[in-house]
């Protein structure tokens, strides 16, 4: 059994939206004086405006992601929330929701060109366009050179066109969600600390850790049942335990826990 801290997640393949194989998905270091003369000359051959813009964007992102590491003072807002850990909804090329990632990863995807940010009106912006948007009072923001950067709530992946392969992990948290934090014998809903996981067929008699053999039970019912089957203990299950079949929207909502209003149009469509 995994711990309760395990998240509801997807089974991602090699072309996962969180780890795209396209060029530009990694932040490249700026040019240094130690590079060869040939590299320096090729860089100098580029238009001055292009080099200046590229260097400025690199400096902006580096200042936001390197100095404002997760949990640091600069990455926290007045409400105490770690900005780089804020969830961001990922959409595939057809604007269907596929997953949720952190703001830190989202900014890297945006900067590298693997994704565009989606604003409230549904318009998409590359990193340069997003950088020029004003930061509103309700936005999460990162301090950068020369001002602040708005953290996007939704990203549109440019080259990812697959639908997610959902695989719900067998964890204590997911079992609690499936059974709605309710004892499957008496129907009570005590606090989480007073709930246990019960093997319908006890492990001492060959019972497995599976969706079909695990249910949520309160301490009283768990002690009453003991190492017996429900029939032997004179107890009845409220419903037959089985693996949940959550939709993509439900899957994302369970993983994010605090969805933003900007997600709603895409989650309803998904």
Protein backbone atom coordinates (compact mmCIF):
# COMPACT_ATOMS: atom_id res chain seq x y z
CA UNK A 1 0.00 0.00 0.00
CA UNK A 2 1.24 3.50 -0.78
CA UNK A 3 1.07 6.24 1.79
CA UNK A 4 -1.78 8.70 2.07
CA UNK A 5 0.38 11.44 0.61
CA UNK A 6 0.34 9.81 -2.83
CA UNK A 7 -1.54 11.92 -5.31
CA UNK A 8 -4.24 10.89 -7.69
CA UNK A 9 -2.32 10.69 -10.94
CA UNK A 10 -2.05 9.65 -14.52
CA UNK A 11 0.11 6.99 -16.08
CA UNK A 12 2.20 9.03 -18.48
CA UNK A 13 3.95 7.55 -21.49
CA UNK A 14 7.23 8.63 -23.07
CA UNK A 15 5.57 11.67 -24.61
CA UNK A 16 4.14 12.93 -21.34
CA UNK A 17 3.11 16.60 -21.33
CA UNK A 18 5.14 17.01 -18.14
CA UNK A 19 8.29 15.83 -19.89
CA UNK A 20 7.97 16.73 -23.58
CA UNK A 21 10.76 15.65 -25.87
CA UNK A 22 10.61 18.79 -27.99
CA UNK A 23 13.54 21.17 -28.16
CA UNK A 24 13.52 24.08 -25.78
CA UNK A 25 11.90 22.23 -22.88
CA UNK A 26 15.01 22.80 -20.78
CA UNK A 27 16.37 26.15 -19.68
CA UNK A 28 19.73 26.70 -21.35
CA UNK A 29 22.44 28.64 -19.50
CA UNK A 30 23.44 32.05 -20.84
CA UNK A 31 26.58 32.46 -22.94
CA UNK A 32 29.78 32.96 -20.93
CA UNK A 33 33.20 34.34 -21.73
CA UNK A 34 34.70 30.84 -21.51
CA UNK A 35 32.98 29.65 -24.68
CA UNK A 36 34.97 29.17 -27.85
CA UNK A 37 35.59 32.00 -30.29
CA UNK A 38 33.54 30.20 -32.94
CA UNK A 39 30.47 30.15 -30.72
CA UNK A 40 30.94 33.79 -29.86
CA UNK A 41 31.23 34.79 -33.49
CA UNK A 42 28.06 32.89 -34.44
CA UNK A 43 26.18 34.62 -31.65
CA UNK A 44 27.49 38.00 -32.76
CA UNK A 45 26.28 37.29 -36.29
CA UNK A 46 22.66 37.29 -35.09
CA UNK A 47 20.68 40.55 -35.15
CA UNK A 48 21.33 42.68 -32.11
CA UNK A 49 17.62 42.98 -31.33
CA UNK A 50 17.19 39.19 -31.30
CA UNK A 51 20.15 38.67 -28.96
CA UNK A 52 18.97 41.41 -26.63
CA UNK A 53 15.44 39.98 -26.46
CA UNK A 54 16.68 36.43 -25.90
CA UNK A 55 19.10 37.52 -23.17
CA UNK A 56 16.40 39.55 -21.45
CA UNK A 57 13.92 36.65 -21.43
CA UNK A 58 16.58 34.30 -20.12
CA UNK A 59 17.43 36.76 -17.37
CA UNK A 60 13.76 37.16 -16.45
CA UNK A 61 13.10 33.44 -16.16
CA UNK A 62 16.37 32.72 -14.38
CA UNK A 63 15.67 35.38 -11.79
CA UNK A 64 12.18 33.98 -11.23
CA UNK A 65 13.01 30.27 -11.07
CA UNK A 66 16.52 30.16 -9.66
CA UNK A 67 16.40 32.80 -6.93
CA UNK A 68 12.74 32.07 -6.10
CA UNK A 69 13.13 28.39 -5.38
CA UNK A 70 10.15 26.49 -3.90
CA UNK A 71 9.61 27.40 -0.26
CA UNK A 72 11.94 30.42 -0.36
CA UNK A 73 10.91 33.81 0.97
CA UNK A 74 10.78 35.38 -2.52
CA UNK A 75 8.47 32.67 -3.85
CA UNK A 76 5.88 33.16 -1.11
CA UNK A 77 3.07 35.69 -1.29
CA UNK A 78 1.48 37.64 1.55
CA UNK A 79 -1.04 34.80 2.00
CA UNK A 80 1.82 32.36 2.64
CA UNK A 81 1.26 30.31 -0.52
CA UNK A 82 4.30 29.00 -2.37
CA UNK A 83 3.83 30.46 -5.86
CA UNK A 84 6.06 27.94 -7.62
CA UNK A 85 3.91 25.09 -6.28
CA UNK A 86 0.60 26.56 -7.50
CA UNK A 87 -1.20 24.03 -9.76
CA UNK A 88 -1.49 24.81 -13.47
CA UNK A 89 -3.89 23.01 -15.81
CA UNK A 90 -2.35 21.47 -18.95
CA UNK A 91 -4.34 21.22 -22.17
CA UNK A 92 -3.38 19.13 -25.17
CA UNK A 93 -3.20 20.49 -28.72
CA UNK A 94 -7.00 20.17 -29.02
CA UNK A 95 -7.61 22.15 -25.78
CA UNK A 96 -8.70 19.05 -23.84
CA UNK A 97 -7.47 18.81 -20.22
CA UNK A 98 -4.80 16.18 -19.70
CA UNK A 99 -3.04 16.84 -16.41
CA UNK A 100 -1.95 19.29 -13.72
CA UNK A 101 1.60 20.48 -13.13
CA UNK A 102 3.34 22.99 -10.86
CA UNK A 103 3.85 26.64 -11.70
CA UNK A 104 7.61 26.09 -11.76
CA UNK A 105 7.33 23.43 -14.47
CA UNK A 106 4.69 25.45 -16.31
CA UNK A 107 6.97 28.48 -16.59
CA UNK A 108 9.76 26.31 -17.99
CA UNK A 109 7.36 24.88 -20.59
CA UNK A 110 6.15 28.38 -21.45
CA UNK A 111 9.66 29.79 -21.76
CA UNK A 112 10.89 26.85 -23.87
CA UNK A 113 8.05 27.22 -26.36
CA UNK A 114 6.50 23.83 -25.60
CA UNK A 115 3.34 25.55 -24.36
CA UNK A 116 1.47 28.85 -24.55
CA UNK A 117 -0.35 30.48 -21.65
CA UNK A 118 -4.12 30.89 -21.90
CA UNK A 119 -5.72 34.03 -20.48
CA UNK A 120 -9.26 34.54 -19.16
CA UNK A 121 -10.65 35.27 -22.62
CA UNK A 122 -9.17 32.10 -24.14
CA UNK A 123 -6.38 33.90 -26.02
CA UNK A 124 -2.98 32.17 -26.06
CA UNK A 125 0.35 33.90 -25.45
CA UNK A 126 3.97 32.85 -25.86
CA UNK A 127 6.47 33.78 -23.15
CA UNK A 128 7.16 37.23 -24.59
CA UNK A 129 3.47 38.06 -24.90
CA UNK A 130 2.69 36.74 -21.42
CA UNK A 131 5.53 38.76 -19.97
CA UNK A 132 3.93 41.98 -21.23
CA UNK A 133 0.54 41.29 -19.59
CA UNK A 134 -0.13 43.32 -16.42
CA UNK A 135 -0.32 41.54 -13.08
CA UNK A 136 -3.74 41.90 -11.45
CA UNK A 137 -4.56 41.86 -7.74
CA UNK A 138 -5.99 38.33 -7.85
CA UNK A 139 -3.04 36.87 -9.77
CA UNK A 140 -0.23 34.81 -8.35
CA UNK A 141 2.98 36.60 -9.16
CA UNK A 142 6.74 36.10 -9.15
CA UNK A 143 9.26 38.90 -8.54
CA UNK A 144 11.50 39.31 -11.59
CA UNK A 145 14.01 41.80 -12.92
CA UNK A 146 12.11 45.00 -13.58
CA UNK A 147 8.78 44.00 -12.03
CA UNK A 148 6.58 40.94 -11.57
CA UNK A 149 5.51 37.97 -13.69
CA UNK A 150 1.95 36.68 -13.69
CA UNK A 151 1.76 32.93 -13.03
CA UNK A 152 -0.48 31.31 -15.68
CA UNK A 153 -3.44 29.21 -14.59
CA UNK A 154 -3.82 27.27 -17.88
CA UNK A 155 -1.22 26.13 -20.43
CA UNK A 156 -1.86 24.96 -23.99
CA UNK A 157 0.68 22.31 -25.07
CA UNK A 158 1.72 22.97 -28.65
CA UNK A 159 2.69 19.46 -29.78
CA UNK A 160 0.95 17.06 -27.40
CA UNK A 161 -2.22 15.65 -28.98
CA UNK A 162 -2.88 12.50 -26.95
CA UNK A 163 -5.56 11.79 -24.38
CA UNK A 164 -4.34 10.76 -20.92
CA UNK A 165 -4.25 7.13 -19.88
CA UNK A 166 -5.82 7.28 -16.45
CA UNK A 167 -4.70 4.80 -13.85
CA UNK A 168 -6.00 5.39 -10.33
CA UNK A 169 -3.42 4.34 -7.77
CA UNK A 170 -4.48 2.08 -4.93
CA UNK A 171 -3.74 4.35 -1.96
CA UNK A 172 -5.38 5.09 1.36
CA UNK A 173 -6.38 8.55 0.16
CA UNK A 174 -7.99 7.24 -3.02
CA UNK A 175 -9.87 4.58 -1.09
CA UNK A 176 -11.16 7.29 1.23
CA UNK A 177 -12.29 9.31 -1.79
CA UNK A 178 -13.97 6.32 -3.40
CA UNK A 179 -15.92 5.49 -0.23
CA UNK A 180 -16.55 9.19 0.52
CA UNK A 181 -14.91 8.93 3.97
CA UNK A 182 -17.84 6.77 5.09
CA UNK A 183 -17.72 3.49 7.00
CA UNK A 184 -18.95 0.85 4.57
CA UNK A 185 -20.54 -1.18 7.38
CA UNK A 186 -22.44 1.29 9.56
CA UNK A 187 -22.55 4.35 7.30
CA UNK A 188 -21.03 6.77 9.82
CA UNK A 189 -18.59 9.48 8.70
CA UNK A 190 -16.20 10.13 11.61
CA UNK A 191 -12.96 12.10 11.28
CA UNK A 192 -10.28 10.67 9.00
CA UNK A 193 -8.11 9.67 11.96
CA UNK A 194 -10.96 7.47 13.22
CA UNK A 195 -11.28 5.61 9.92
CA UNK A 196 -9.40 2.44 8.99
CA UNK A 197 -9.00 0.29 5.90
CA UNK A 198 -10.57 -3.15 6.30
CA UNK A 199 -9.88 -6.28 4.25
CA UNK A 200 -13.23 -7.85 3.37
CA UNK A 201 -11.48 -11.21 3.23
CA UNK A 202 -8.86 -10.96 6.00
CA UNK A 203 -5.21 -11.11 4.98
CA UNK A 204 -4.70 -13.97 7.40
CA UNK A 205 -7.00 -15.98 5.15
CA UNK A 206 -5.46 -14.97 1.83
CA UNK A 207 -7.14 -11.61 1.32
CA UNK A 208 -5.32 -9.30 -1.11
CA UNK A 209 -4.64 -5.59 -1.15
CA UNK A 210 -6.99 -4.75 -3.99
CA UNK A 211 -9.83 -2.39 -4.86
CA UNK A 212 -12.28 -5.29 -4.58
CA UNK A 213 -11.09 -6.39 -1.12
CA UNK A 214 -10.48 -3.10 0.69
CA UNK A 215 -13.14 -0.83 2.20
CA UNK A 216 -13.22 2.08 4.62
CA UNK A 217 -14.47 1.23 8.09
CA UNK A 218 -14.69 2.97 11.44
CA UNK A 219 -12.73 1.64 14.39
CA UNK A 220 -15.81 0.18 16.05
CA UNK A 221 -16.83 -1.88 13.00
CA UNK A 222 -13.23 -2.86 12.33
CA UNK A 223 -12.87 -4.30 15.83
CA UNK A 224 -16.27 -5.97 15.66
CA UNK A 225 -15.47 -7.73 12.39
CA UNK A 226 -11.99 -8.79 13.45
CA UNK A 227 -10.52 -11.61 11.36
CA UNK A 228 -13.86 -12.74 10.03
CA UNK A 229 -15.71 -12.17 6.78
CA UNK A 230 -18.73 -9.83 6.86
CA UNK A 231 -21.10 -12.83 6.65
CA UNK A 232 -19.41 -14.56 9.56
CA UNK A 233 -19.60 -11.34 11.63
CA UNK A 234 -23.24 -10.71 10.70
CA UNK A 235 -22.34 -7.45 8.95
CA UNK A 236 -23.32 -6.15 5.53
CA UNK A 237 -21.42 -3.91 3.14
CA UNK A 238 -23.22 -0.78 1.96
CA UNK A 239 -21.93 -1.28 -1.59
CA UNK A 240 -19.78 -3.71 -3.51
CA UNK A 241 -16.16 -2.46 -3.55
CA UNK A 242 -14.63 -1.98 -7.00
CA UNK A 243 -12.00 0.10 -8.77
CA UNK A 244 -13.31 3.62 -9.42
CA UNK A 245 -13.76 4.84 -12.98
CA UNK A 246 -13.20 8.55 -12.65
CA UNK A 247 -13.49 10.80 -15.66
CA UNK A 248 -10.62 13.02 -16.75
CA UNK A 249 -12.28 16.01 -15.10
CA UNK A 250 -12.87 14.18 -11.82
CA UNK A 251 -9.33 12.85 -11.92
CA UNK A 252 -7.86 16.34 -12.28
CA UNK A 253 -10.12 17.84 -9.64
CA UNK A 254 -9.14 15.19 -7.13
CA UNK A 255 -5.46 15.75 -7.86
CA UNK A 256 -5.59 19.55 -7.68
CA UNK A 257 -7.94 19.84 -4.67
CA UNK A 258 -8.23 23.63 -5.23
CA UNK A 259 -9.19 24.21 -8.88
CA UNK A 260 -9.21 27.76 -10.24
CA UNK A 261 -12.18 29.39 -11.94
CA UNK A 262 -10.11 29.67 -15.13
CA UNK A 263 -10.12 25.86 -15.37
CA UNK A 264 -13.89 25.48 -15.47
CA UNK A 265 -14.56 26.01 -19.23
CA UNK A 266 -11.99 23.36 -20.13
CA UNK A 267 -12.98 20.87 -17.42
CA UNK A 268 -16.63 21.06 -18.47
CA UNK A 269 -15.66 20.39 -22.07
CA UNK A 270 -13.42 17.48 -21.00
